[in-house]
């Protein structure tokens, strides 16, 4: 850039050609010397620029790879969370199903127990009715026998001794 600045300064400071608007007189040797120095320096500067561009490309590539890695990790985490969410939803559904089945089973068992208790109480009630009827018959018999016994006892008192 310094060489280019020197060439520009040489042209700007050159004497104008009389009767011409844009023409000037420049020392040919001086201009050629500056251009030759530029030619010599230019390849090293171009190599540095190329190296900088290459380094920039490497940094951009590394940044691109890092961005892709981060995106892949984020997508993997997203899929994991979605899967976990699906597992949780599935587990919730399964637990609700199991709770409903358990409630239905509890109700079925309650119904069976109620039926068993009702049947047992009905059988006991019939047993008690038969027992009460038997007791009642026994008491009636006892009363009947007592009356017969007292009636026969009265006859013995009224019988004459022979």
Protein backbone atom coordinates (compact mmCIF):
# COMPACT_ATOMS: atom_id res chain seq x y z
CA UNK A 1 0.00 0.00 0.00
CA UNK A 2 2.97 2.29 0.70
CA UNK A 3 4.27 1.72 -2.84
CA UNK A 4 0.89 2.49 -4.34
CA UNK A 5 0.71 5.65 -2.23
CA UNK A 6 4.16 6.67 -3.53
CA UNK A 7 3.08 6.15 -7.16
CA UNK A 8 -0.09 8.18 -6.59
CA UNK A 9 1.95 10.98 -4.97
CA UNK A 10 4.41 10.93 -7.94
CA UNK A 11 1.53 11.35 -10.42
CA UNK A 12 -0.20 14.04 -8.35
CA UNK A 13 3.01 16.05 -7.97
CA UNK A 14 4.04 15.67 -11.62
CA UNK A 15 4.24 18.80 -13.80
CA UNK A 16 1.35 19.31 -16.16
CA UNK A 17 1.97 19.31 -19.88
CA UNK A 18 1.32 22.79 -21.23
CA UNK A 19 -1.92 23.15 -23.14
CA UNK A 20 -3.21 19.82 -21.86
CA UNK A 21 -5.80 19.16 -19.23
CA UNK A 22 -4.87 15.73 -17.92
CA UNK A 23 -1.44 15.01 -19.22
CA UNK A 24 1.62 15.29 -17.04
CA UNK A 25 5.31 14.68 -17.18
CA UNK A 26 6.66 11.94 -14.92
CA UNK A 27 10.18 10.71 -14.48
CA UNK A 28 9.95 7.40 -16.27
CA UNK A 29 12.83 5.78 -14.38
CA UNK A 30 11.40 6.78 -11.01
CA UNK A 31 7.93 5.42 -11.92
CA UNK A 32 9.37 2.19 -13.30
CA UNK A 33 11.51 1.79 -10.18
CA UNK A 34 8.42 2.18 -7.93
CA UNK A 35 6.41 -0.26 -10.08
CA UNK A 36 9.25 -2.79 -9.99
CA UNK A 37 9.41 -2.53 -6.18
CA UNK A 38 5.64 -3.03 -6.11
CA UNK A 39 5.99 -6.09 -8.31
CA UNK A 40 8.61 -7.56 -5.96
CA UNK A 41 6.62 -6.78 -2.82
CA UNK A 42 3.27 -7.76 -4.24
CA UNK A 43 3.79 -11.57 -4.23
CA UNK A 44 4.72 -11.59 -0.54
CA UNK A 45 1.74 -9.37 0.25
CA UNK A 46 -0.48 -11.59 -1.88
CA UNK A 47 0.86 -14.65 -0.08
CA UNK A 48 0.10 -12.97 3.26
CA UNK A 49 -3.36 -12.02 2.04
CA UNK A 50 -3.92 -15.55 0.73
CA UNK A 51 -2.73 -16.95 4.06
CA UNK A 52 -5.10 -14.60 5.89
CA UNK A 53 -7.95 -15.63 3.60
CA UNK A 54 -7.09 -19.28 4.15
CA UNK A 55 -6.99 -18.72 7.92
CA UNK A 56 -10.30 -16.88 7.69
CA UNK A 57 -11.78 -19.81 5.71
CA UNK A 58 -10.51 -22.26 8.34
CA UNK A 59 -12.04 -20.17 11.12
CA UNK A 60 -15.32 -19.96 9.19
CA UNK A 61 -15.27 -23.72 8.55
CA UNK A 62 -14.56 -24.40 12.22
CA UNK A 63 -17.37 -22.04 13.18
CA UNK A 64 -19.70 -23.74 10.70
CA UNK A 65 -18.79 -27.19 12.05
CA UNK A 66 -19.31 -25.96 15.63
CA UNK A 67 -22.67 -24.46 14.67
CA UNK A 68 -23.70 -27.72 12.98
CA UNK A 69 -22.56 -29.70 16.04
CA UNK A 70 -24.54 -27.42 18.32
CA UNK A 71 -27.61 -27.72 16.09
CA UNK A 72 -27.25 -31.51 16.05
CA UNK A 73 -26.96 -31.56 19.85
CA UNK A 74 -29.97 -29.28 20.18
CA UNK A 75 -31.99 -31.50 17.84
CA UNK A 76 -30.90 -34.60 19.77
CA UNK A 77 -31.89 -32.93 23.05
CA UNK A 78 -35.20 -31.89 21.49
CA UNK A 79 -35.86 -35.46 20.36
CA UNK A 80 -34.87 -36.76 23.80
CA UNK A 81 -37.21 -34.32 25.51
CA UNK A 82 -40.01 -35.13 23.08
CA UNK A 83 -39.41 -38.84 23.65
CA UNK A 84 -39.34 -38.28 27.40
CA UNK A 85 -42.54 -36.30 27.10
CA UNK A 86 -44.08 -39.12 25.08
CA UNK A 87 -42.92 -41.60 27.72
CA UNK A 88 -44.46 -39.45 30.45
CA UNK A 89 -47.73 -39.15 28.52
CA UNK A 90 -47.72 -42.88 27.87
CA UNK A 91 -46.96 -43.59 31.53
CA UNK A 92 -49.77 -41.25 32.60
CA UNK A 93 -52.19 -43.04 30.29
CA UNK A 94 -51.04 -46.44 31.54
CA UNK A 95 -51.33 -45.38 35.18
CA UNK A 96 -54.83 -43.98 34.54
CA UNK A 97 -55.79 -47.26 32.87
CA UNK A 98 -54.38 -49.26 35.79
CA UNK A 99 -56.18 -47.06 38.34
CA UNK A 100 -59.46 -47.50 36.45
CA UNK A 101 -58.95 -51.27 36.33
CA UNK A 102 -58.14 -51.33 40.05
CA UNK A 103 -61.26 -49.30 40.85
CA UNK A 104 -63.37 -51.63 38.73
CA UNK A 105 -61.83 -54.66 40.47
CA UNK A 106 -62.46 -53.10 43.91
CA UNK A 107 -66.10 -52.45 42.95
CA UNK A 108 -66.47 -56.01 41.65
CA UNK A 109 -65.01 -57.39 44.90
CA UNK A 110 -67.30 -55.15 46.97
CA UNK A 111 -70.28 -56.39 44.99
CA UNK A 112 -69.20 -60.01 45.53
CA UNK A 113 -68.68 -59.43 49.27
CA UNK A 114 -72.06 -57.70 49.54
CA UNK A 115 -73.70 -60.61 47.72
CA UNK A 116 -71.94 -63.15 49.95
CA UNK A 117 -72.89 -61.28 53.15
CA UNK A 118 -76.48 -60.87 51.95
CA UNK A 119 -76.73 -64.58 51.09
CA UNK A 120 -75.17 -65.61 54.41
CA UNK A 121 -77.52 -63.31 56.36
CA UNK A 122 -80.52 -64.63 54.41
CA UNK A 123 -79.50 -68.22 55.22
CA UNK A 124 -79.00 -67.26 58.88
CA UNK A 125 -82.40 -65.56 58.87
CA UNK A 126 -84.03 -68.75 57.53
CA UNK A 127 -82.17 -70.78 60.14
CA UNK A 128 -83.39 -68.44 62.87
CA UNK A 129 -86.99 -68.64 61.55
CA UNK A 130 -86.83 -72.44 61.58
CA UNK A 131 -85.28 -72.37 65.05
CA UNK A 132 -87.95 -69.98 66.33
CA UNK A 133 -90.65 -72.13 64.77
CA UNK A 134 -89.13 -75.21 66.39
CA UNK A 135 -88.88 -73.42 69.72
CA UNK A 136 -92.46 -72.26 69.38
CA UNK A 137 -93.62 -75.79 68.61
CA UNK A 138 -91.62 -77.08 71.57
CA UNK A 139 -93.23 -74.55 73.89
CA UNK A 140 -96.66 -75.32 72.52
CA UNK A 141 -96.02 -79.03 73.13
CA UNK A 142 -94.79 -78.31 76.64
CA UNK A 143 -97.90 -76.25 77.38
CA UNK A 144 -100.07 -78.97 75.93
CA UNK A 145 -98.35 -81.63 78.01
CA UNK A 146 -98.66 -79.52 81.14
CA UNK A 147 -102.36 -79.13 80.59
CA UNK A 148 -102.78 -82.79 79.95
CA UNK A 149 -100.69 -83.53 83.02
CA UNK A 150 -102.71 -81.19 85.19
CA UNK A 151 -105.93 -82.55 83.87
CA UNK A 152 -104.79 -86.10 84.65
CA UNK A 153 -103.57 -84.95 88.02
CA UNK A 154 -107.02 -83.59 88.78
CA UNK A 155 -108.52 -86.95 87.85
CA UNK A 156 -106.34 -88.76 90.32
CA UNK A 157 -107.50 -86.57 93.09
CA UNK A 158 -111.12 -87.13 92.22
CA UNK A 159 -110.82 -90.85 91.78
CA UNK A 160 -112.20 -93.04 94.41
CA UNK A 161 -109.96 -95.59 95.97
CA UNK A 162 -111.12 -99.13 95.23
